[in-house]
């Protein structure tokens, strides 16, 4: 299965399970995330959720560009990512490896983040002729504009230590401590009143605001359907340098 779940002590752990493909988001992962977060929402015994990836190299490499190049599963990938936005339970990312593109955007959708050392966080979409449509463009609401623009326009990643300095993550721990640390953090939440926790989360996120839906649709329509977007994904699949046409 592309997405695994495990429930214990009021905590639902969701694992993206495509380690051989960098835990990249495809249609199967999208469907699995929708189902897992529906379970979290519907079960009152679930008081907190941990999201992690299988393996030790990559938390999530973002959208499966080979699937994108063939036009497969984009809607289901979007639905899977949106499932995190509608999760009313406290959500903790346990980052076991590199979190790039849509993988970093999954992290940004989480309420708190625990990461192992030696990994990278970034939104390299521009390197493939795309843009960070899953939430990366909201980075200026979280970190200084100049830093957000550097990440978004160069596509270059940052270290966990830099992410910690910027306030994007909560803890950096040794690999063997990752899930225990994330579980301990979740347990500190689950002992509190569920309604109070839910509304505290919702009201705090509301303070960040949302981008214009109209502008988001316009940007997505223009960029993701462009020749450059197809070229970026195709070049990645063919392991060559993209040839941009600016259209």
Protein backbone atom coordinates (compact mmCIF):
# COMPACT_ATOMS: atom_id res chain seq x y z
CA UNK A 1 0.00 0.00 0.00
CA UNK A 2 1.21 3.49 -0.84
CA UNK A 3 -0.03 4.93 2.48
CA UNK A 4 0.09 3.07 5.79
CA UNK A 5 -1.65 3.92 9.06
CA UNK A 6 -1.04 2.89 12.65
CA UNK A 7 -3.12 3.91 15.66
CA UNK A 8 -1.93 3.88 19.27
CA UNK A 9 -2.59 5.98 22.38
CA UNK A 10 -4.92 8.41 20.57
CA UNK A 11 -2.27 9.09 17.91
CA UNK A 12 -2.73 8.12 14.25
CA UNK A 13 0.58 7.74 12.38
CA UNK A 14 0.33 8.09 8.60
CA UNK A 15 3.28 6.88 6.51
CA UNK A 16 3.81 7.62 2.82
CA UNK A 17 5.11 4.26 1.64
CA UNK A 18 6.93 4.62 -1.69
CA UNK A 19 10.58 4.65 -0.53
CA UNK A 20 11.89 3.31 -3.85
CA UNK A 21 10.29 6.32 -5.60
CA UNK A 22 11.32 8.92 -3.04
CA UNK A 23 7.83 8.70 -1.50
CA UNK A 24 6.73 10.82 -4.45
CA UNK A 25 3.08 11.81 -4.70
CA UNK A 26 1.10 9.88 -7.30
CA UNK A 27 -2.58 9.01 -7.63
CA UNK A 28 -2.32 6.08 -5.22
CA UNK A 29 -0.65 8.22 -2.55
CA UNK A 30 -3.24 10.94 -3.08
CA UNK A 31 -6.10 8.49 -2.56
CA UNK A 32 -4.35 6.99 0.46
CA UNK A 33 -3.89 10.38 2.11
CA UNK A 34 -7.55 11.26 1.55
CA UNK A 35 -8.64 7.98 3.19
CA UNK A 36 -6.18 8.31 6.09
CA UNK A 37 -7.15 11.87 6.94
CA UNK A 38 -10.83 11.00 6.65
CA UNK A 39 -10.22 8.32 9.27
CA UNK A 40 -8.48 10.90 11.46
CA UNK A 41 -11.38 13.31 11.09
CA UNK A 42 -14.15 10.76 11.66
CA UNK A 43 -12.63 8.98 14.67
CA UNK A 44 -13.05 10.92 17.92
CA UNK A 45 -10.41 8.70 19.52
CA UNK A 46 -7.80 10.23 17.24
CA UNK A 47 -6.47 13.24 19.14
CA UNK A 48 -3.33 13.87 17.07
CA UNK A 49 -1.80 12.80 13.75
CA UNK A 50 1.82 12.16 12.79
CA UNK A 51 2.80 12.24 9.10
CA UNK A 52 6.08 10.61 8.03
CA UNK A 53 7.73 8.82 5.12
CA UNK A 54 9.06 5.30 4.72
CA UNK A 55 12.80 4.72 4.55
CA UNK A 56 15.71 6.89 5.64
CA UNK A 57 16.46 9.05 2.59
CA UNK A 58 13.39 11.04 1.56
CA UNK A 59 10.33 12.19 3.48
CA UNK A 60 8.63 13.11 0.20
CA UNK A 61 10.11 14.25 -3.11
CA UNK A 62 6.90 16.00 -4.13
CA UNK A 63 4.78 15.25 -7.14
CA UNK A 64 5.76 12.22 -9.20
CA UNK A 65 6.99 14.09 -12.28
CA UNK A 66 6.86 10.99 -14.45
CA UNK A 67 3.17 10.70 -13.66
CA UNK A 68 2.72 14.43 -14.28
CA UNK A 69 4.47 14.20 -17.65
CA UNK A 70 2.01 11.50 -18.70
CA UNK A 71 -0.94 13.50 -17.35
CA UNK A 72 -1.85 10.93 -14.71
CA UNK A 73 -3.23 11.50 -11.23
CA UNK A 74 -2.76 15.25 -10.82
CA UNK A 75 -6.27 15.76 -9.44
CA UNK A 76 -5.86 12.91 -6.95
CA UNK A 77 -2.48 14.28 -5.84
CA UNK A 78 -4.11 17.66 -5.26
CA UNK A 79 -6.91 16.05 -3.26
CA UNK A 80 -4.38 14.23 -1.11
CA UNK A 81 -2.49 17.42 -0.32
CA UNK A 82 -5.73 19.29 0.37
CA UNK A 83 -6.68 16.62 2.92
CA UNK A 84 -4.00 18.08 5.19
CA UNK A 85 -5.58 21.53 4.91
CA UNK A 86 -8.91 20.26 6.21
CA UNK A 87 -7.44 18.19 9.05
CA UNK A 88 -8.80 19.63 12.30
CA UNK A 89 -6.67 17.37 14.48
CA UNK A 90 -3.16 18.51 15.52
CA UNK A 91 -0.78 17.39 12.79
CA UNK A 92 2.93 16.74 13.34
CA UNK A 93 5.42 16.05 10.55
CA UNK A 94 8.15 13.53 11.43
CA UNK A 95 10.65 14.32 8.67
CA UNK A 96 12.78 11.23 8.10
CA UNK A 97 14.56 12.49 4.95
CA UNK A 98 14.66 15.24 2.35
CA UNK A 99 11.41 17.20 2.04
CA UNK A 100 11.33 18.86 -1.36
CA UNK A 101 8.72 20.51 -3.59
CA UNK A 102 5.33 19.07 -2.64
CA UNK A 103 7.07 17.20 0.18
CA UNK A 104 8.13 20.49 1.76
CA UNK A 105 4.65 21.85 1.17
CA UNK A 106 3.25 18.88 3.10
CA UNK A 107 5.56 19.89 5.95
CA UNK A 108 4.32 23.49 5.76
CA UNK A 109 0.74 22.25 6.13
CA UNK A 110 1.59 20.53 9.42
CA UNK A 111 1.17 22.26 12.76
CA UNK A 112 4.52 21.20 14.20
CA UNK A 113 7.62 19.58 12.74
CA UNK A 114 10.30 17.24 14.08
CA UNK A 115 13.19 16.50 11.71
CA UNK A 116 16.31 14.38 11.57
CA UNK A 117 19.59 16.13 10.81
CA UNK A 118 21.33 16.08 7.46
CA UNK A 119 18.23 16.49 5.28
CA UNK A 120 17.09 19.34 3.05
CA UNK A 121 13.93 21.40 2.81
CA UNK A 122 13.09 23.25 -0.39
CA UNK A 123 10.73 24.24 -3.19
CA UNK A 124 12.70 23.49 -6.39
CA UNK A 125 9.63 23.64 -8.65
CA UNK A 126 11.06 26.49 -10.78
CA UNK A 127 13.85 24.13 -11.83
CA UNK A 128 11.12 22.06 -13.55
CA UNK A 129 9.17 24.97 -15.00
CA UNK A 130 6.52 24.79 -12.26
CA UNK A 131 5.75 26.80 -9.15
CA UNK A 132 5.02 25.80 -5.57
CA UNK A 133 1.24 25.64 -5.94
CA UNK A 134 0.68 23.46 -2.88
CA UNK A 135 1.41 26.21 -0.37
CA UNK A 136 5.03 27.22 -0.98
CA UNK A 137 4.01 30.67 -2.23
CA UNK A 138 2.65 31.40 1.25
CA UNK A 139 6.17 31.24 2.71
CA UNK A 140 6.35 35.05 3.12
CA UNK A 141 3.66 34.71 5.78
CA UNK A 142 6.01 32.45 7.76
CA UNK A 143 9.54 33.77 7.11
CA UNK A 144 11.15 37.03 5.86
CA UNK A 145 10.21 37.91 2.29
CA UNK A 146 13.81 37.98 1.05
CA UNK A 147 14.45 34.47 2.35
CA UNK A 148 11.18 33.17 0.90
CA UNK A 149 12.00 34.69 -2.48
CA UNK A 150 15.50 33.21 -2.42
CA UNK A 151 14.05 29.77 -1.81
CA UNK A 152 11.27 30.17 -4.36
CA UNK A 153 13.24 31.81 -7.18
CA UNK A 154 16.46 29.80 -6.95
CA UNK A 155 14.85 26.52 -5.95
CA UNK A 156 17.81 25.92 -3.64
CA UNK A 157 17.17 24.01 -0.39
CA UNK A 158 17.95 24.84 3.23
CA UNK A 159 19.19 22.70 6.11
CA UNK A 160 17.15 21.67 9.17
CA UNK A 161 19.26 24.05 11.27
CA UNK A 162 18.32 26.95 8.98
CA UNK A 163 14.68 25.87 9.05
CA UNK A 164 14.86 25.80 12.84
CA UNK A 165 16.38 29.32 12.92
CA UNK A 166 13.57 30.56 10.67
CA UNK A 167 10.91 29.01 12.90
CA UNK A 168 9.68 26.58 10.24
CA UNK A 169 10.34 23.50 12.36
CA UNK A 170 10.29 22.72 16.09
CA UNK A 171 13.02 20.17 16.71
CA UNK A 172 16.06 18.55 15.07
CA UNK A 173 16.82 15.12 16.56
CA UNK A 174 19.01 12.07 15.89
CA UNK A 175 17.41 9.61 13.50
CA UNK A 176 16.74 7.01 16.17
CA UNK A 177 14.81 9.61 18.18
CA UNK A 178 12.57 10.84 15.36
CA UNK A 179 9.33 8.92 15.96
CA UNK A 180 9.76 8.87 19.75
CA UNK A 181 10.20 12.66 19.73
CA UNK A 182 7.22 13.20 17.42
CA UNK A 183 5.12 10.84 19.55
CA UNK A 184 6.17 12.61 22.75
CA UNK A 185 5.19 15.96 21.24
CA UNK A 186 1.84 14.55 20.13
CA UNK A 187 1.26 13.12 23.61
CA UNK A 188 1.73 16.58 25.12
CA UNK A 189 -1.20 17.68 22.95
CA UNK A 190 -3.52 14.70 23.41
CA UNK A 191 -3.80 15.21 27.18
CA UNK A 192 -5.55 18.54 26.57
CA UNK A 193 -9.20 19.28 25.85
CA UNK A 194 -10.00 18.19 22.26
CA UNK A 195 -12.36 21.08 21.50
CA UNK A 196 -9.96 23.64 22.95
CA UNK A 197 -7.10 22.15 20.91
CA UNK A 198 -9.15 22.10 17.71
CA UNK A 199 -10.24 25.73 17.95
CA UNK A 200 -6.83 26.94 19.04
CA UNK A 201 -5.35 25.33 15.94
CA UNK A 202 -8.03 26.70 13.64
CA UNK A 203 -7.90 30.25 14.96
CA UNK A 204 -4.09 30.40 14.84
CA UNK A 205 -4.00 29.20 11.23
CA UNK A 206 -6.66 31.76 10.36
CA UNK A 207 -4.20 34.47 11.37
CA UNK A 208 -1.98 33.52 8.41
CA UNK A 209 -4.76 34.22 5.94
CA UNK A 210 -5.21 32.64 2.52
CA UNK A 211 -4.06 33.68 -0.97
CA UNK A 212 -6.61 34.93 -3.49
CA UNK A 213 -8.38 31.85 -4.88
CA UNK A 214 -8.82 33.61 -8.21
CA UNK A 215 -5.12 34.43 -8.53
CA UNK A 216 -4.18 30.90 -7.45
CA UNK A 217 -6.42 29.39 -10.14
CA UNK A 218 -5.00 31.76 -12.76
CA UNK A 219 -1.39 30.94 -11.88
CA UNK A 220 -2.03 27.20 -11.76
CA UNK A 221 -3.84 27.24 -15.09
CA UNK A 222 -1.11 29.20 -16.83
CA UNK A 223 1.92 27.46 -15.35
CA UNK A 224 0.88 23.83 -15.02
CA UNK A 225 -0.59 23.68 -18.53
CA UNK A 226 2.39 25.43 -20.15
CA UNK A 227 4.88 23.93 -22.58
CA UNK A 228 7.63 24.67 -20.07
CA UNK A 229 5.86 22.63 -17.37
CA UNK A 230 5.65 19.63 -19.68
CA UNK A 231 9.26 20.16 -20.75
CA UNK A 232 10.47 20.35 -17.15
CA UNK A 233 8.76 17.12 -16.19
CA UNK A 234 9.85 15.36 -19.39
CA UNK A 235 13.46 16.50 -18.96
CA UNK A 236 13.43 15.15 -15.42
CA UNK A 237 12.12 11.78 -16.60
CA UNK A 238 14.70 11.71 -19.41
CA UNK A 239 17.52 12.91 -17.10
CA UNK A 240 18.48 15.90 -19.24
CA UNK A 241 18.64 19.69 -18.93
CA UNK A 242 15.29 21.39 -19.71
CA UNK A 243 15.04 23.58 -22.81
CA UNK A 244 12.81 26.47 -21.73
CA UNK A 245 10.56 28.30 -24.24
CA UNK A 246 8.86 30.78 -21.87
CA UNK A 247 5.44 29.60 -22.95
